[in-house]
Amino acid sequence: QVQLVESGGGLVQPGGSLRVSCTASGRIFRVNDMGWYRQAPGKQRELVAAITRGGSTNTADSVKGRFTISRDNAKNTVILQMNSLKPEDTAVYYCNARCATLTGVIDSWGQGTQVTVSS
């Protein structure tokens, strides 16, 4: 009913930048909160950054000052700009969106995109 399609990610050297984006589609009345989570091997999934429909953001301490989350409500898209990347940022990054549909609120996840920071 709701699909999240992620793009971006890849391999980058320490200190480099990457951008990942995610677009929600389907039978959506309104996209509410959107966010990015990540999961490194052997670790639990953790919140990286989230943004409300009105633009209020919440960013993990580990990425503050380096990562910026933004969104385009007209396109149902959320973007995570990642600068000054470190090896410890290596993980699979997952998009999350809470969408209001005609049948209720649905919490959806993207398929994940790999971000690898390595020299």
C-alpha atoms as a PDB file:
ATOM      1  CA  GLN A   1       0.000   0.000   0.000  1.00  0.00           C
ATOM      2  CA  VAL A   2       2.969   2.281   0.729  1.00  0.00           C
ATOM      3  CA  GLN A   3       6.354   1.909  -0.935  1.00  0.00           C
ATOM      4  CA  LEU A   4       9.585   3.628   0.056  1.00  0.00           C
ATOM      5  CA  VAL A   5      12.295   3.735  -2.588  1.00  0.00           C
ATOM      6  CA  GLU A   6      15.791   4.729  -1.489  1.00  0.00           C
ATOM      7  CA  SER A   7      18.653   5.948  -3.633  1.00  0.00           C
ATOM      8  CA  GLY A   8      22.201   7.051  -3.067  1.00  0.00           C
ATOM      9  CA  GLY A   9      24.704   5.499  -0.735  1.00  0.00           C
ATOM     10  CA  GLY A  10      27.830   3.665  -1.805  1.00  0.00           C
ATOM     11  CA  LEU A  11      31.531   3.710  -0.988  1.00  0.00           C
ATOM     12  CA  VAL A  12      33.330   6.854   0.132  1.00  0.00           C
ATOM     13  CA  GLN A  13      36.643   7.657   1.757  1.00  0.00           C
ATOM     14  CA  PRO A  14      36.801   9.034   5.309  1.00  0.00           C
ATOM     15  CA  GLY A  15      36.049  12.735   5.300  1.00  0.00           C
ATOM     16  CA  GLY A  16      33.932  12.454   2.190  1.00  0.00           C
ATOM     17  CA  SER A  17      30.248  13.129   1.583  1.00  0.00           C
ATOM     18  CA  LEU A  18      27.260  11.155   0.435  1.00  0.00           C
ATOM     19  CA  ARG A  19      23.581  11.844   0.013  1.00  0.00           C
ATOM     20  CA  VAL A  20      20.768   9.354   0.365  1.00  0.00           C
ATOM     21  CA  SER A  21      17.182  10.078  -0.558  1.00  0.00           C
ATOM     22  CA  CYS A  22      13.902   8.273  -0.138  1.00  0.00           C
ATOM     23  CA  THR A  23      10.539   8.770  -1.831  1.00  0.00           C
ATOM     24  CA  ALA A  24       7.229   7.464  -0.578  1.00  0.00           C
ATOM     25  CA  SER A  25       4.515   6.427  -3.000  1.00  0.00           C
ATOM     26  CA  GLY A  26       1.247   4.548  -2.997  1.00  0.00           C
ATOM     27  CA  ARG A  27      -2.200   5.208  -1.604  1.00  0.00           C
ATOM     28  CA  ILE A  28      -0.994   7.990   0.667  1.00  0.00           C
ATOM     29  CA  PHE A  29      -3.179  10.720   2.047  1.00  0.00           C
ATOM     30  CA  ARG A  30      -0.311  12.453   3.849  1.00  0.00           C
ATOM     31  CA  VAL A  31       3.266  11.638   4.840  1.00  0.00           C
ATOM     32  CA  ASN A  32       3.867  12.599   8.452  1.00  0.00           C
ATOM     33  CA  ASP A  33       7.192  11.948  10.200  1.00  0.00           C
ATOM     34  CA  MET A  34      10.081  10.712   8.064  1.00  0.00           C
ATOM     35  CA  GLY A  35      13.490   9.564   9.142  1.00  0.00           C
ATOM     36  CA  TRP A  36      16.648   7.611   8.588  1.00  0.00           C
ATOM     37  CA  TYR A  37      17.909   4.733  10.682  1.00  0.00           C
ATOM     38  CA  ARG A  38      21.050   2.676  10.317  1.00  0.00           C
ATOM     39  CA  GLN A  39      22.224  -0.761  11.288  1.00  0.00           C
ATOM     40  CA  ALA A  40      25.846  -1.810  11.394  1.00  0.00           C
ATOM     41  CA  PRO A  41      26.880  -5.484  11.469  1.00  0.00           C
ATOM     42  CA  GLY A  42      26.274  -6.970  14.902  1.00  0.00           C
ATOM     43  CA  LYS A  43      24.523  -3.868  16.182  1.00  0.00           C
ATOM     44  CA  GLN A  44      20.934  -2.809  16.699  1.00  0.00           C
ATOM     45  CA  ARG A  45      19.173  -0.462  14.336  1.00  0.00           C
ATOM     46  CA  GLU A  46      19.491   3.112  15.562  1.00  0.00           C
ATOM     47  CA  LEU A  47      17.923   6.444  14.718  1.00  0.00           C
ATOM     48  CA  VAL A  48      20.153   8.741  12.684  1.00  0.00           C
ATOM     49  CA  ALA A  49      17.799  11.657  12.074  1.00  0.00           C
ATOM     50  CA  ALA A  50      14.094  12.356  11.829  1.00  0.00           C
ATOM     51  CA  ILE A  51      11.993  15.224  10.533  1.00  0.00           C
ATOM     52  CA  THR A  52       8.370  16.143  11.038  1.00  0.00           C
ATOM     53  CA  ARG A  53       6.102  17.338   8.287  1.00  0.00           C
ATOM     54  CA  GLY A  54       6.548  20.857   9.628  1.00  0.00           C
ATOM     55  CA  GLY A  55      10.334  20.600   9.419  1.00  0.00           C
ATOM     56  CA  SER A  56      11.330  20.014  13.037  1.00  0.00           C
ATOM     57  CA  THR A  57      14.339  17.737  13.225  1.00  0.00           C
ATOM     58  CA  ASN A  58      15.908  15.320  15.669  1.00  0.00           C
ATOM     59  CA  THR A  59      19.498  14.214  15.032  1.00  0.00           C
ATOM     60  CA  ALA A  60      21.581  11.615  16.845  1.00  0.00           C
ATOM     61  CA  ASP A  61      24.463  13.039  18.848  1.00  0.00           C
ATOM     62  CA  SER A  62      26.918  10.872  16.919  1.00  0.00           C
ATOM     63  CA  VAL A  63      26.152  12.661  13.648  1.00  0.00           C
ATOM     64  CA  LYS A  64      25.257  16.171  14.801  1.00  0.00           C
ATOM     65  CA  GLY A  65      27.095  18.818  12.848  1.00  0.00           C
ATOM     66  CA  ARG A  66      27.901  16.336  10.069  1.00  0.00           C
ATOM     67  CA  PHE A  67      24.548  15.017   8.840  1.00  0.00           C
ATOM     68  CA  THR A  68      21.560  17.103   7.759  1.00  0.00           C
ATOM     69  CA  ILE A  69      18.043  15.819   7.167  1.00  0.00           C
ATOM     70  CA  SER A  70      15.571  17.644   4.946  1.00  0.00           C
ATOM     71  CA  ARG A  71      12.362  16.880   3.108  1.00  0.00           C
ATOM     72  CA  ASP A  72      10.213  17.956   0.203  1.00  0.00           C
ATOM     73  CA  ASN A  73       6.569  17.502   1.146  1.00  0.00           C
ATOM     74  CA  ALA A  74       5.360  18.020  -2.407  1.00  0.00           C
ATOM     75  CA  LYS A  75       7.460  15.066  -3.546  1.00  0.00           C
ATOM     76  CA  ASN A  76       7.064  12.911  -0.399  1.00  0.00           C
ATOM     77  CA  THR A  77      10.847  12.786  -0.264  1.00  0.00           C
ATOM     78  CA  VAL A  78      13.344  12.844   2.584  1.00  0.00           C
ATOM     79  CA  ILE A  79      17.048  13.467   2.079  1.00  0.00           C
ATOM     80  CA  LEU A  80      19.999  12.788   4.353  1.00  0.00           C
ATOM     81  CA  GLN A  81      23.131  14.749   3.493  1.00  0.00           C
ATOM     82  CA  MET A  82      26.153  13.145   5.121  1.00  0.00           C
ATOM     83  CA  ASN A  83      29.404  15.090   5.381  1.00  0.00           C
ATOM     84  CA  SER A  84      32.707  14.397   7.111  1.00  0.00           C
ATOM     85  CA  LEU A  85      31.962  10.703   7.029  1.00  0.00           C
ATOM     86  CA  LYS A  86      33.808   8.379   9.381  1.00  0.00           C
ATOM     87  CA  PRO A  87      34.411   4.620   9.187  1.00  0.00           C
ATOM     88  CA  GLU A  88      31.996   4.173  12.096  1.00  0.00           C
ATOM     89  CA  ASP A  89      29.223   5.558   9.890  1.00  0.00           C
ATOM     90  CA  THR A  90      29.412   2.384   7.819  1.00  0.00           C
ATOM     91  CA  ALA A  91      26.030   0.681   7.954  1.00  0.00           C
ATOM     92  CA  VAL A  92      22.882  -0.106   6.037  1.00  0.00           C
ATOM     93  CA  TYR A  93      20.724   2.994   6.087  1.00  0.00           C
ATOM     94  CA  TYR A  94      16.952   2.561   6.185  1.00  0.00           C
ATOM     95  CA  CYS A  95      14.295   5.125   5.384  1.00  0.00           C
ATOM     96  CA  ASN A  96      11.189   5.256   7.557  1.00  0.00           C
ATOM     97  CA  ALA A  97       7.942   7.093   6.966  1.00  0.00           C
ATOM     98  CA  ARG A  98       4.702   7.301   8.890  1.00  0.00           C
ATOM     99  CA  CYS A  99       1.958   7.704   6.323  1.00  0.00           C
ATOM    100  CA  ALA A 100      -1.700   8.463   6.701  1.00  0.00           C
ATOM    101  CA  THR A 101      -3.750   6.396   4.283  1.00  0.00           C
ATOM    102  CA  LEU A 102      -7.450   5.925   3.764  1.00  0.00           C
ATOM    103  CA  THR A 103      -7.283   2.797   5.940  1.00  0.00           C
ATOM    104  CA  GLY A 104      -5.195   4.283   8.736  1.00  0.00           C
ATOM    105  CA  VAL A 105      -1.627   5.229   9.679  1.00  0.00           C
ATOM    106  CA  ILE A 106       1.084   2.963   8.289  1.00  0.00           C
ATOM    107  CA  ASP A 107       4.692   2.849   9.474  1.00  0.00           C
ATOM    108  CA  SER A 108       6.761   1.897   6.408  1.00  0.00           C
ATOM    109  CA  TRP A 109      10.399   1.010   5.822  1.00  0.00           C
ATOM    110  CA  GLY A 110      12.627   1.138   2.793  1.00  0.00           C
ATOM    111  CA  GLN A 111      14.741  -1.804   1.659  1.00  0.00           C
ATOM    112  CA  GLY A 112      17.963  -0.256   2.923  1.00  0.00           C
ATOM    113  CA  THR A 113      20.993   1.183   1.176  1.00  0.00           C
ATOM    114  CA  GLN A 114      24.598   0.384   2.036  1.00  0.00           C
ATOM    115  CA  VAL A 115      26.948   3.178   3.071  1.00  0.00           C
ATOM    116  CA  THR A 116      30.590   2.179   3.404  1.00  0.00           C
ATOM    117  CA  VAL A 117      33.261   4.574   4.631  1.00  0.00           C
ATOM    118  CA  SER A 118      36.702   3.185   3.984  1.00  0.00           C
ATOM    119  CA  SER A 119      40.056   4.148   2.547  1.00  0.00           C
END
